[in-house]
């Protein structure tokens, strides 16, 4: 799973040290946002910028898991958030 997030670098390079993690298997429709302690933001895809804006400004997304990781290469902690759009009542 983390290999997909961090690209195609070697296994050792792409695995940050896990500080805290909640076991969850992300579903196909879930998006993710990573925010570093220095303010850097990474998103699952180009569309995620609009998701990020909506995520911050509304309650339309359900957070499934938020984990804190440590990237040994960059020497910084970051938060990784898995979320999906909430079902709307019909």
PDB file of N, CA and C in Angstrom:
ATOM      1  N   UNK A   1       0.829  -1.197   0.000  1.00  0.00           N
ATOM      2  CA  UNK A   1       0.000   0.000   0.000  1.00  0.00           C
ATOM      3  C   UNK A   1       0.869   1.254   0.000  1.00  0.00           C
ATOM      4  N   UNK A   2       1.863   1.344   0.849  1.00  0.00           N
ATOM      5  CA  UNK A   2       2.699   2.542   0.886  1.00  0.00           C
ATOM      6  C   UNK A   2       3.508   2.690  -0.386  1.00  0.00           C
ATOM      7  N   UNK A   3       3.824   1.562  -1.048  1.00  0.00           N
ATOM      8  CA  UNK A   3       4.526   1.625  -2.316  1.00  0.00           C
ATOM      9  C   UNK A   3       3.741   2.395  -3.349  1.00  0.00           C
ATOM     10  N   UNK A   4       2.425   2.205  -3.365  1.00  0.00           N
ATOM     11  CA  UNK A   4       1.570   2.940  -4.294  1.00  0.00           C
ATOM     12  C   UNK A   4       1.596   4.431  -3.966  1.00  0.00           C
ATOM     13  N   UNK A   5       1.651   4.767  -2.706  1.00  0.00           N
ATOM     14  CA  UNK A   5       1.598   6.160  -2.265  1.00  0.00           C
ATOM     15  C   UNK A   5       2.887   6.892  -2.603  1.00  0.00           C
ATOM     16  N   UNK A   6       4.015   6.261  -2.375  1.00  0.00           N
ATOM     17  CA  UNK A   6       5.285   6.955  -2.498  1.00  0.00           C
ATOM     18  C   UNK A   6       5.985   6.739  -3.834  1.00  0.00           C
ATOM     19  N   UNK A   7       5.341   6.087  -4.773  1.00  0.00           N
ATOM     20  CA  UNK A   7       5.929   5.933  -6.097  1.00  0.00           C
ATOM     21  C   UNK A   7       6.734   4.665  -6.237  1.00  0.00           C
ATOM     22  N   UNK A   8       7.613   4.636  -7.217  1.00  0.00           N
ATOM     23  CA  UNK A   8       8.287   3.392  -7.569  1.00  0.00           C
ATOM     24  C   UNK A   8       9.750   3.362  -7.143  1.00  0.00           C
ATOM     25  N   UNK A   9      10.075   3.873  -5.992  1.00  0.00           N
ATOM     26  CA  UNK A   9      11.449   3.820  -5.486  1.00  0.00           C
ATOM     27  C   UNK A   9      11.669   2.453  -4.842  1.00  0.00           C
ATOM     28  N   UNK A  10      12.885   2.177  -4.438  1.00  0.00           N
ATOM     29  CA  UNK A  10      13.169   0.882  -3.833  1.00  0.00           C
ATOM     30  C   UNK A  10      12.368   0.704  -2.546  1.00  0.00           C
ATOM     31  N   UNK A  11      12.128  -0.554  -2.191  1.00  0.00           N
ATOM     32  CA  UNK A  11      11.309  -0.895  -1.017  1.00  0.00           C
ATOM     33  C   UNK A  11      11.821  -0.200   0.245  1.00  0.00           C
ATOM     34  N   UNK A  12      13.148  -0.168   0.422  1.00  0.00           N
ATOM     35  CA  UNK A  12      13.726   0.429   1.622  1.00  0.00           C
ATOM     36  C   UNK A  12      13.500   1.942   1.665  1.00  0.00           C
ATOM     37  N   UNK A  13      13.623   2.609   0.517  1.00  0.00           N
ATOM     38  CA  UNK A  13      13.453   4.061   0.467  1.00  0.00           C
ATOM     39  C   UNK A  13      12.021   4.497   0.709  1.00  0.00           C
ATOM     40  N   UNK A  14      11.052   3.716   0.223  1.00  0.00           N
ATOM     41  CA  UNK A  14       9.678   4.188   0.254  1.00  0.00           C
ATOM     42  C   UNK A  14       8.925   3.854   1.534  1.00  0.00           C
ATOM     43  N   UNK A  15       9.490   3.081   2.424  1.00  0.00           N
ATOM     44  CA  UNK A  15       8.785   2.698   3.638  1.00  0.00           C
ATOM     45  C   UNK A  15       9.178   3.595   4.807  1.00  0.00           C
ATOM     46  N   UNK A  16       8.367   4.602   5.127  1.00  0.00           N
ATOM     47  CA  UNK A  16       8.683   5.421   6.296  1.00  0.00           C
ATOM     48  C   UNK A  16       8.445   4.629   7.580  1.00  0.00           C
ATOM     49  N   UNK A  17       9.090   5.035   8.627  1.00  0.00           N
ATOM     50  CA  UNK A  17       8.880   4.403   9.929  1.00  0.00           C
ATOM     51  C   UNK A  17       7.479   4.763  10.404  1.00  0.00           C
ATOM     52  N   UNK A  18       6.723   3.761  10.818  1.00  0.00           N
ATOM     53  CA  UNK A  18       5.359   4.015  11.268  1.00  0.00           C
ATOM     54  C   UNK A  18       5.372   4.365  12.746  1.00  0.00           C
ATOM     55  N   UNK A  19       4.848   5.533  13.079  1.00  0.00           N
ATOM     56  CA  UNK A  19       4.735   5.945  14.474  1.00  0.00           C
ATOM     57  C   UNK A  19       3.416   5.435  15.038  1.00  0.00           C
ATOM     58  N   UNK A  20       2.338   5.666  14.307  1.00  0.00           N
ATOM     59  CA  UNK A  20       1.024   5.215  14.743  1.00  0.00           C
ATOM     60  C   UNK A  20       0.238   4.842  13.500  1.00  0.00           C
ATOM     61  N   UNK A  21      -0.431   3.706  13.540  1.00  0.00           N
ATOM     62  CA  UNK A  21      -1.206   3.293  12.371  1.00  0.00           C
ATOM     63  C   UNK A  21      -2.440   2.521  12.828  1.00  0.00           C
ATOM     64  N   UNK A  22      -3.519   2.736  12.137  1.00  0.00           N
ATOM     65  CA  UNK A  22      -4.741   1.992  12.380  1.00  0.00           C
ATOM     66  C   UNK A  22      -4.922   1.053  11.206  1.00  0.00           C
ATOM     67  N   UNK A  23      -5.156  -0.227  11.500  1.00  0.00           N
ATOM     68  CA  UNK A  23      -5.298  -1.199  10.429  1.00  0.00           C
ATOM     69  C   UNK A  23      -6.566  -0.925   9.643  1.00  0.00           C
ATOM     70  N   UNK A  24      -6.417  -0.731   8.350  1.00  0.00           N
ATOM     71  CA  UNK A  24      -7.567  -0.519   7.477  1.00  0.00           C
ATOM     72  C   UNK A  24      -7.145  -0.886   6.059  1.00  0.00           C
ATOM     73  N   UNK A  25      -8.063  -1.478   5.320  1.00  0.00           N
ATOM     74  CA  UNK A  25      -7.808  -1.763   3.912  1.00  0.00           C
ATOM     75  C   UNK A  25      -8.572  -0.732   3.090  1.00  0.00           C
ATOM     76  N   UNK A  26      -7.880   0.218   2.476  1.00  0.00           N
ATOM     77  CA  UNK A  26      -8.583   1.265   1.726  1.00  0.00           C
ATOM     78  C   UNK A  26      -9.410   0.686   0.587  1.00  0.00           C
ATOM     79  N   UNK A  27     -10.585   1.241   0.381  1.00  0.00           N
ATOM     80  CA  UNK A  27     -11.444   0.837  -0.723  1.00  0.00           C
ATOM     81  C   UNK A  27     -11.022   1.603  -1.976  1.00  0.00           C
ATOM     82  N   UNK A  28     -11.451   1.123  -3.132  1.00  0.00           N
ATOM     83  CA  UNK A  28     -11.035   1.709  -4.405  1.00  0.00           C
ATOM     84  C   UNK A  28     -11.431   3.178  -4.550  1.00  0.00           C
ATOM     85  N   UNK A  29     -12.580   3.575  -3.994  1.00  0.00           N
ATOM     86  CA  UNK A  29     -13.061   4.953  -4.169  1.00  0.00           C
ATOM     87  C   UNK A  29     -12.508   5.930  -3.127  1.00  0.00           C
ATOM     88  N   UNK A  30     -11.705   5.460  -2.180  1.00  0.00           N
ATOM     89  CA  UNK A  30     -11.145   6.355  -1.181  1.00  0.00           C
ATOM     90  C   UNK A  30     -10.033   7.191  -1.796  1.00  0.00           C
ATOM     91  N   UNK A  31      -9.917   8.425  -1.352  1.00  0.00           N
ATOM     92  CA  UNK A  31      -8.834   9.326  -1.744  1.00  0.00           C
ATOM     93  C   UNK A  31      -7.929   9.500  -0.532  1.00  0.00           C
ATOM     94  N   UNK A  32      -6.753  10.079  -0.734  1.00  0.00           N
ATOM     95  CA  UNK A  32      -5.886  10.338   0.412  1.00  0.00           C
ATOM     96  C   UNK A  32      -5.203  11.692   0.297  1.00  0.00           C
ATOM     97  N   UNK A  33      -4.852  12.210   1.465  1.00  0.00           N
ATOM     98  CA  UNK A  33      -4.108  13.463   1.593  1.00  0.00           C
ATOM     99  C   UNK A  33      -2.995  13.209   2.607  1.00  0.00           C
ATOM    100  N   UNK A  34      -1.784  13.635   2.306  1.00  0.00           N
ATOM    101  CA  UNK A  34      -0.683  13.587   3.269  1.00  0.00           C
ATOM    102  C   UNK A  34      -0.236  15.013   3.550  1.00  0.00           C
ATOM    103  N   UNK A  35      -0.117  15.341   4.818  1.00  0.00           N
ATOM    104  CA  UNK A  35       0.322  16.675   5.217  1.00  0.00           C
ATOM    105  C   UNK A  35       1.548  16.516   6.109  1.00  0.00           C
ATOM    106  N   UNK A  36       2.672  17.115   5.701  1.00  0.00           N
ATOM    107  CA  UNK A  36       3.887  16.988   6.500  1.00  0.00           C
ATOM    108  C   UNK A  36       3.886  18.012   7.622  1.00  0.00           C
ATOM    109  N   UNK A  37       4.754  17.790   8.612  1.00  0.00           N
ATOM    110  CA  UNK A  37       4.825  18.722   9.734  1.00  0.00           C
ATOM    111  C   UNK A  37       5.357  20.081   9.299  1.00  0.00           C
ATOM    112  N   UNK A  38       5.974  20.163   8.116  1.00  0.00           N
ATOM    113  CA  UNK A  38       6.473  21.440   7.601  1.00  0.00           C
ATOM    114  C   UNK A  38       5.518  22.056   6.589  1.00  0.00           C
ATOM    115  N   UNK A  39       4.329  21.496   6.480  1.00  0.00           N
ATOM    116  CA  UNK A  39       3.300  22.104   5.644  1.00  0.00           C
ATOM    117  C   UNK A  39       3.192  21.582   4.228  1.00  0.00           C
ATOM    118  N   UNK A  40       4.041  20.639   3.833  1.00  0.00           N
ATOM    119  CA  UNK A  40       3.933  20.064   2.492  1.00  0.00           C
ATOM    120  C   UNK A  40       2.691  19.190   2.383  1.00  0.00           C
ATOM    121  N   UNK A  41       2.026  19.255   1.230  1.00  0.00           N
ATOM    122  CA  UNK A  41       0.810  18.469   1.028  1.00  0.00           C
ATOM    123  C   UNK A  41       0.981  17.606  -0.212  1.00  0.00           C
ATOM    124  N   UNK A  42       0.652  16.317  -0.093  1.00  0.00           N
ATOM    125  CA  UNK A  42       0.630  15.406  -1.233  1.00  0.00           C
ATOM    126  C   UNK A  42      -0.781  14.854  -1.341  1.00  0.00           C
ATOM    127  N   UNK A  43      -1.238  14.639  -2.564  1.00  0.00           N
ATOM    128  CA  UNK A  43      -2.609  14.198  -2.799  1.00  0.00           C
ATOM    129  C   UNK A  43      -2.623  12.964  -3.691  1.00  0.00           C
ATOM    130  N   UNK A  44      -3.713  12.179  -3.594  1.00  0.00           N
ATOM    131  CA  UNK A  44      -3.796  10.937  -4.351  1.00  0.00           C
ATOM    132  C   UNK A  44      -3.877  11.146  -5.855  1.00  0.00           C
ATOM    133  N   UNK A  45      -4.424  12.251  -6.300  1.00  0.00           N
ATOM    134  CA  UNK A  45      -4.517  12.528  -7.735  1.00  0.00           C
ATOM    135  C   UNK A  45      -4.787  14.011  -7.949  1.00  0.00           C
ATOM    136  N   UNK A  46      -4.777  14.429  -9.203  1.00  0.00           N
ATOM    137  CA  UNK A  46      -4.968  15.851  -9.513  1.00  0.00           C
ATOM    138  C   UNK A  46      -6.309  16.381  -9.030  1.00  0.00           C
ATOM    139  N   UNK A  47      -7.347  15.548  -9.071  1.00  0.00           N
ATOM    140  CA  UNK A  47      -8.669  15.973  -8.616  1.00  0.00           C
ATOM    141  C   UNK A  47      -8.698  16.239  -7.119  1.00  0.00           C
ATOM    142  N   UNK A  48      -7.727  15.710  -6.396  1.00  0.00           N
ATOM    143  CA  UNK A  48      -7.750  15.824  -4.945  1.00  0.00           C
ATOM    144  C   UNK A  48      -7.615  17.250  -4.443  1.00  0.00           C
ATOM    145  N   UNK A  49      -7.114  18.173  -5.270  1.00  0.00           N
ATOM    146  CA  UNK A  49      -7.050  19.560  -4.823  1.00  0.00           C
ATOM    147  C   UNK A  49      -8.447  20.086  -4.534  1.00  0.00           C
ATOM    148  N   UNK A  50      -9.422  19.738  -5.375  1.00  0.00           N
ATOM    149  CA  UNK A  50     -10.800  20.164  -5.098  1.00  0.00           C
ATOM    150  C   UNK A  50     -11.345  19.407  -3.892  1.00  0.00           C
ATOM    151  N   UNK A  51     -10.947  18.134  -3.739  1.00  0.00           N
ATOM    152  CA  UNK A  51     -11.372  17.377  -2.560  1.00  0.00           C
ATOM    153  C   UNK A  51     -10.814  18.023  -1.295  1.00  0.00           C
ATOM    154  N   UNK A  52      -9.570  18.460  -1.361  1.00  0.00           N
ATOM    155  CA  UNK A  52      -8.942  19.087  -0.197  1.00  0.00           C
ATOM    156  C   UNK A  52      -9.693  20.351   0.202  1.00  0.00           C
ATOM    157  N   UNK A  53     -10.033  21.178  -0.780  1.00  0.00           N
ATOM    158  CA  UNK A  53     -10.789  22.402  -0.498  1.00  0.00           C
ATOM    159  C   UNK A  53     -12.139  22.051   0.136  1.00  0.00           C
ATOM    160  N   UNK A  54     -12.864  21.103  -0.473  1.00  0.00           N
ATOM    161  CA  UNK A  54     -14.163  20.688   0.063  1.00  0.00           C
ATOM    162  C   UNK A  54     -14.018  20.054   1.443  1.00  0.00           C
ATOM    163  N   UNK A  55     -12.954  19.281   1.608  1.00  0.00           N
ATOM    164  CA  UNK A  55     -12.689  18.579   2.854  1.00  0.00           C
ATOM    165  C   UNK A  55     -12.526  19.570   4.002  1.00  0.00           C
ATOM    166  N   UNK A  56     -11.802  20.649   3.727  1.00  0.00           N
ATOM    167  CA  UNK A  56     -11.550  21.670   4.739  1.00  0.00           C
ATOM    168  C   UNK A  56     -12.795  22.509   5.007  1.00  0.00           C
ATOM    169  N   UNK A  57     -13.570  22.803   3.962  1.00  0.00           N
ATOM    170  CA  UNK A  57     -14.683  23.746   4.072  1.00  0.00           C
ATOM    171  C   UNK A  57     -16.048  23.125   4.349  1.00  0.00           C
ATOM    172  N   UNK A  58     -16.149  21.837   4.385  1.00  0.00           N
ATOM    173  CA  UNK A  58     -17.464  21.226   4.585  1.00  0.00           C
ATOM    174  C   UNK A  58     -17.346  19.936   5.392  1.00  0.00           C
ATOM    175  N   UNK A  59     -18.487  19.341   5.644  1.00  0.00           N
ATOM    176  CA  UNK A  59     -18.510  18.053   6.348  1.00  0.00           C
ATOM    177  C   UNK A  59     -18.993  16.963   5.405  1.00  0.00           C
ATOM    178  N   UNK A  60     -18.636  17.063   4.125  1.00  0.00           N
ATOM    179  CA  UNK A  60     -19.155  16.111   3.154  1.00  0.00           C
ATOM    180  C   UNK A  60     -18.309  14.849   3.011  1.00  0.00           C
ATOM    181  N   UNK A  61     -17.164  14.763   3.733  1.00  0.00           N
ATOM    182  CA  UNK A  61     -16.319  13.580   3.648  1.00  0.00           C
ATOM    183  C   UNK A  61     -16.237  12.863   4.987  1.00  0.00           C
ATOM    184  N   UNK A  62     -16.095  11.553   4.899  1.00  0.00           N
ATOM    185  CA  UNK A  62     -15.949  10.720   6.092  1.00  0.00           C
ATOM    186  C   UNK A  62     -14.488  10.285   6.182  1.00  0.00           C
ATOM    187  N   UNK A  63     -13.838  10.585   7.299  1.00  0.00           N
ATOM    188  CA  UNK A  63     -12.453  10.160   7.501  1.00  0.00           C
ATOM    189  C   UNK A  63     -12.473   8.725   8.012  1.00  0.00           C
ATOM    190  N   UNK A  64     -11.801   7.840   7.317  1.00  0.00           N
ATOM    191  CA  UNK A  64     -11.724   6.445   7.736  1.00  0.00           C
ATOM    192  C   UNK A  64     -10.522   6.198   8.630  1.00  0.00           C
ATOM    193  N   UNK A  65      -9.418   6.791   8.294  1.00  0.00           N
ATOM    194  CA  UNK A  65      -8.206   6.564   9.071  1.00  0.00           C
ATOM    195  C   UNK A  65      -7.260   7.744   8.894  1.00  0.00           C
ATOM    196  N   UNK A  66      -6.612   8.099   9.977  1.00  0.00           N
ATOM    197  CA  UNK A  66      -5.571   9.111   9.916  1.00  0.00           C
ATOM    198  C   UNK A  66      -4.388   8.531  10.664  1.00  0.00           C
ATOM    199  N   UNK A  67      -3.235   8.473  10.023  1.00  0.00           N
ATOM    200  CA  UNK A  67      -2.074   7.907  10.694  1.00  0.00           C
ATOM    201  C   UNK A  67      -0.910   8.871  10.632  1.00  0.00           C
ATOM    202  N   UNK A  68      -0.086   8.817  11.656  1.00  0.00           N
ATOM    203  CA  UNK A  68       1.115   9.642  11.680  1.00  0.00           C
ATOM    204  C   UNK A  68       2.288   8.751  11.285  1.00  0.00           C
ATOM    205  N   UNK A  69       3.072   9.198  10.322  1.00  0.00           N
ATOM    206  CA  UNK A  69       4.231   8.450   9.848  1.00  0.00           C
ATOM    207  C   UNK A  69       5.473   9.317   9.979  1.00  0.00           C
ATOM    208  N   UNK A  70       6.626   8.676   9.897  1.00  0.00           N
ATOM    209  CA  UNK A  70       7.887   9.417   9.913  1.00  0.00           C
ATOM    210  C   UNK A  70       8.672   9.053   8.663  1.00  0.00           C
ATOM    211  N   UNK A  71       9.002  10.023   7.857  1.00  0.00           N
ATOM    212  CA  UNK A  71       9.784   9.809   6.648  1.00  0.00           C
ATOM    213  C   UNK A  71      11.254  10.011   7.006  1.00  0.00           C
ATOM    214  N   UNK A  72      11.997   8.910   7.092  1.00  0.00           N
ATOM    215  CA  UNK A  72      13.395   8.973   7.518  1.00  0.00           C
ATOM    216  C   UNK A  72      14.259   9.725   6.506  1.00  0.00           C
ATOM    217  N   UNK A  73      13.892   9.666   5.218  1.00  0.00           N
ATOM    218  CA  UNK A  73      14.670  10.372   4.196  1.00  0.00           C
ATOM    219  C   UNK A  73      14.587  11.879   4.384  1.00  0.00           C
ATOM    220  N   UNK A  74      13.383  12.375   4.665  1.00  0.00           N
ATOM    221  CA  UNK A  74      13.185  13.821   4.823  1.00  0.00           C
ATOM    222  C   UNK A  74      13.285  14.259   6.281  1.00  0.00           C
ATOM    223  N   UNK A  75      13.398  13.294   7.192  1.00  0.00           N
ATOM    224  CA  UNK A  75      13.499  13.577   8.626  1.00  0.00           C
ATOM    225  C   UNK A  75      12.321  14.410   9.121  1.00  0.00           C
ATOM    226  N   UNK A  76      11.100  13.996   8.739  1.00  0.00           N
ATOM    227  CA  UNK A  76       9.924  14.725   9.203  1.00  0.00           C
ATOM    228  C   UNK A  76       8.735  13.788   9.373  1.00  0.00           C
ATOM    229  N   UNK A  77       7.851  14.178  10.276  1.00  0.00           N
ATOM    230  CA  UNK A  77       6.600  13.456  10.487  1.00  0.00           C
ATOM    231  C   UNK A  77       5.566  13.994   9.512  1.00  0.00           C
ATOM    232  N   UNK A  78       4.622  13.135   9.152  1.00  0.00           N
ATOM    233  CA  UNK A  78       3.500  13.631   8.370  1.00  0.00           C
ATOM    234  C   UNK A  78       2.257  12.832   8.721  1.00  0.00           C
ATOM    235  N   UNK A  79       1.116  13.406   8.427  1.00  0.00           N
ATOM    236  CA  UNK A  79      -0.167  12.766   8.673  1.00  0.00           C
ATOM    237  C   UNK A  79      -0.728  12.303   7.342  1.00  0.00           C
ATOM    238  N   UNK A  80      -1.208  11.082   7.323  1.00  0.00           N
ATOM    239  CA  UNK A  80      -1.786  10.525   6.107  1.00  0.00           C
ATOM    240  C   UNK A  80      -3.252  10.235   6.402  1.00  0.00           C
ATOM    241  N   UNK A  81      -4.148  10.788   5.599  1.00  0.00           N
ATOM    242  CA  UNK A  81      -5.587  10.709   5.853  1.00  0.00           C
ATOM    243  C   UNK A  81      -6.274  10.011   4.691  1.00  0.00           C
ATOM    244  N   UNK A  82      -7.011   8.923   4.993  1.00  0.00           N
ATOM    245  CA  UNK A  82      -7.851   8.255   3.996  1.00  0.00           C
ATOM    246  C   UNK A  82      -9.278   8.712   4.227  1.00  0.00           C
ATOM    247  N   UNK A  83      -9.989   9.075   3.144  1.00  0.00           N
ATOM    248  CA  UNK A  83     -11.355   9.564   3.299  1.00  0.00           C
ATOM    249  C   UNK A  83     -12.179   9.239   2.064  1.00  0.00           C
ATOM    250  N   UNK A  84     -13.501   9.314   2.214  1.00  0.00           N
ATOM    251  CA  UNK A  84     -14.396   9.151   1.069  1.00  0.00           C
ATOM    252  C   UNK A  84     -15.584  10.076   1.235  1.00  0.00           C
ATOM    253  N   UNK A  85     -16.266  10.332   0.140  1.00  0.00           N
ATOM    254  CA  UNK A  85     -17.430  11.200   0.162  1.00  0.00           C
ATOM    255  C   UNK A  85     -18.554  10.513   0.929  1.00  0.00           C
ATOM    256  N   UNK A  86     -19.232  11.270   1.805  1.00  0.00           N
ATOM    257  CA  UNK A  86     -20.350  10.712   2.570  1.00  0.00           C
ATOM    258  C   UNK A  86     -21.531  10.457   1.647  1.00  0.00           C
ATOM    259  N   UNK A  87     -22.305   9.439   1.979  1.00  0.00           N
ATOM    260  CA  UNK A  87     -23.537   9.153   1.234  1.00  0.00           C
ATOM    261  C   UNK A  87     -24.520  10.280   1.503  1.00  0.00           C
ATOM    262  N   UNK A  88     -25.195  10.750   0.474  1.00  0.00           N
ATOM    263  CA  UNK A  88     -26.208  11.794   0.665  1.00  0.00           C
ATOM    264  C   UNK A  88     -27.579  11.150   0.739  1.00  0.00           C
ATOM    265  N   UNK A  89     -28.428  11.712   1.592  1.00  0.00           N
ATOM    266  CA  UNK A  89     -29.782  11.177   1.727  1.00  0.00           C
ATOM    267  C   UNK A  89     -30.583  11.526   0.492  1.00  0.00           C
ATOM    268  N   UNK A  90     -31.376  10.548   0.025  1.00  0.00           N
ATOM    269  CA  UNK A  90     -32.179  10.779  -1.184  1.00  0.00           C
ATOM    270  C   UNK A  90     -33.632  10.920  -0.857  1.00  0.00           C
TER     271      UNK A  90
END
